[in-house]
């Protein structure tokens, strides 16, 4: 397990995604997969932080 996966486990509402065979520019190298991961996260259930918006 990577340190990123471990850290995401301690953040309420966090999701961990791996885009295989990408470097630091996943949004350039695999734009469709990146967009799907981000869209899925944003469209997911809202997590209450206890703070008013």
Protein backbone atom coordinates (compact mmCIF):
# COMPACT_ATOMS: atom_id res chain seq x y z
CA UNK A 1 0.00 0.00 0.00
CA UNK A 2 1.35 3.42 -0.93
CA UNK A 3 1.69 6.32 1.47
CA UNK A 4 -1.00 8.14 -0.56
CA UNK A 5 -3.45 5.29 -0.05
CA UNK A 6 -2.68 5.26 3.67
CA UNK A 7 -3.13 9.02 3.98
CA UNK A 8 -6.42 9.03 2.06
CA UNK A 9 -7.77 6.51 4.56
CA UNK A 10 -7.47 9.10 7.30
CA UNK A 11 -9.39 11.82 5.44
CA UNK A 12 -13.17 11.76 5.72
CA UNK A 13 -14.73 11.47 2.27
CA UNK A 14 -11.41 10.91 0.50
CA UNK A 15 -11.19 8.50 -2.40
CA UNK A 16 -8.00 6.95 -3.71
CA UNK A 17 -7.65 6.25 -7.42
CA UNK A 18 -4.74 4.83 -9.41
CA UNK A 19 -4.34 5.62 -13.09
CA UNK A 20 -1.92 2.96 -14.28
CA UNK A 21 1.17 3.91 -16.28
CA UNK A 22 0.93 7.65 -15.69
CA UNK A 23 3.37 10.11 -14.24
CA UNK A 24 2.69 13.46 -12.64
CA UNK A 25 0.48 14.64 -15.51
CA UNK A 26 -2.32 12.07 -15.49
CA UNK A 27 -4.75 14.70 -16.77
CA UNK A 28 -2.59 15.03 -19.90
CA UNK A 29 -1.54 11.39 -20.30
CA UNK A 30 -4.98 9.82 -19.68
CA UNK A 31 -7.52 12.65 -19.82
CA UNK A 32 -10.62 10.45 -20.14
CA UNK A 33 -9.72 8.29 -17.14
CA UNK A 34 -8.73 11.34 -15.11
CA UNK A 35 -11.99 13.14 -15.93
CA UNK A 36 -14.01 10.04 -15.01
CA UNK A 37 -12.28 9.77 -11.63
CA UNK A 38 -12.74 13.46 -10.83
CA UNK A 39 -16.34 13.54 -12.08
CA UNK A 40 -17.18 10.46 -10.04
CA UNK A 41 -15.72 12.03 -6.92
CA UNK A 42 -17.43 15.39 -7.40
CA UNK A 43 -20.79 13.78 -8.22
CA UNK A 44 -20.56 11.44 -5.24
CA UNK A 45 -22.39 11.85 -1.97
CA UNK A 46 -21.66 15.05 -0.06
CA UNK A 47 -19.67 14.64 3.12
CA UNK A 48 -20.56 16.85 6.03
CA UNK A 49 -17.56 18.70 7.40
CA UNK A 50 -19.51 20.40 10.15
CA UNK A 51 -18.73 23.80 8.64
CA UNK A 52 -21.31 26.11 7.16
CA UNK A 53 -20.74 27.18 3.57
